[in-house]
Amino acid sequence: MKEVHYSDYLQLDKILNAQTLESDLQGAHAHDEMLFVIIHQAYELWFKQILFEIDSVAQIMSQQVINDNSADLQTIVHRLSRIETILKVAVHQIDIMETMTPMDFLDFRDFLRPASGFQSWQFKMAEAKLGLQFPERFGQAYYISQLRPEHVTLIKDVEKQPSLLDLVNEWLARMPFFDQDANWVNYQPLFPASGAKHPFWHDYSTVYANSLVEGERGNLSHFEKMFFEEEKSPERRLSACACRSALFIMLYRGYPMLQLPFQLLNNLLEIDEQLSTWRYRHMNMVTRMIGIRTGTGGSSGRDYLKGALDKHYIFREIAALSSYLIERRKLPQLSRELEESLGF
């Protein structure tokens, strides 16, 4: 068997000699530029790992059928959890960056122009693979203007492919809770049947409507649109069927068969939250370092970051489900047949 040396395996000669300081090239050594370079190189390595994990999850979720009793769902949840943890590390790296003062940064900032973190094509690709679409982006005119042509092509190719959010939508829509009549033979409705809704959803809609206080009455129209209006619209990413499945998973997540699906949905929310936290910390750090000055890449600096923070939520429809929950004690009782199928 071939012997492998630690340094060779990690290619440390390449990695440890990949920090060229622009300030040294300009004959004006700036001590903190080494920290700046290493942190951003670490970011790009983590982005590469995130892309690797997203691709592996997407490959599993692209299957015609995902067996909830197989290791597939557990693998998806595990790898999404890893992405979430990596993003937490990305957030904490800002703590290290903030050991650099604004004056330390000014020692080398002008040597960087027009380089900018905005040119991180891996980060933009990760956003696109997760499900952030071009029309949803803040500052669309500036979005790809700073990228090299080959990176623009890579990102545009990704945007044409099904994203993780698209695959989650298909997975949720395939869930058979309400497609099999045998699951509902002995279901005891809480209210007399009305309209075309499934008896369970008629009961749930009624209980939800009765739970609203005076200032929340407008929620009912949003509830009907989200869960029962199948019409496609550009701003809608999850179908009504997928939304119903996601809500059902959240409501009855205590059943063994729904625990992993719930963890999957919760991981997506955690990923969105960590991305938002990273943008918020990044925005505050930029404000601390350069105030209201223009970014090195020509962006509006803090204002651009604030716009992206406010707009770039990927799994917002899943987050919105909490608006439509009811108290656990008021949940309709599932039929014996469905309870058995959701158990071990």
Foldseek 3Di string as FASTA:
>chain_A
DDDDDPCRVVVVVCVVPVDDALCVVVVQDQVCSSVVVVLVVVVLVLLVLLVVLLVVLVVLLPDPDDDLPDCNLVSNLVSLVVNLVSLVVNQCSVVVVVVQALVSCVSCQLSCFQDDPLQSLSVLQSLLQQFFALVLAPPSVVNCPLYDPVSVVVSVVSNVDQHNLLSLLVNLLPDCCPVDCVQAPPFDAPDDDDDDDDSQVVRLLVQLCVVDDPVCNVVSVVVCCQQPPQDDDPVDSHGNSSLVSLLVLVLPVVQQSSVSVVSSLVSLVSSLVSVLSSLVSLLVSQCRNPNQDAHSNRHRRSVSSVVRSVRSRRPVSSVCSVVRDDDNVSRRDGDPSNSVVSHD
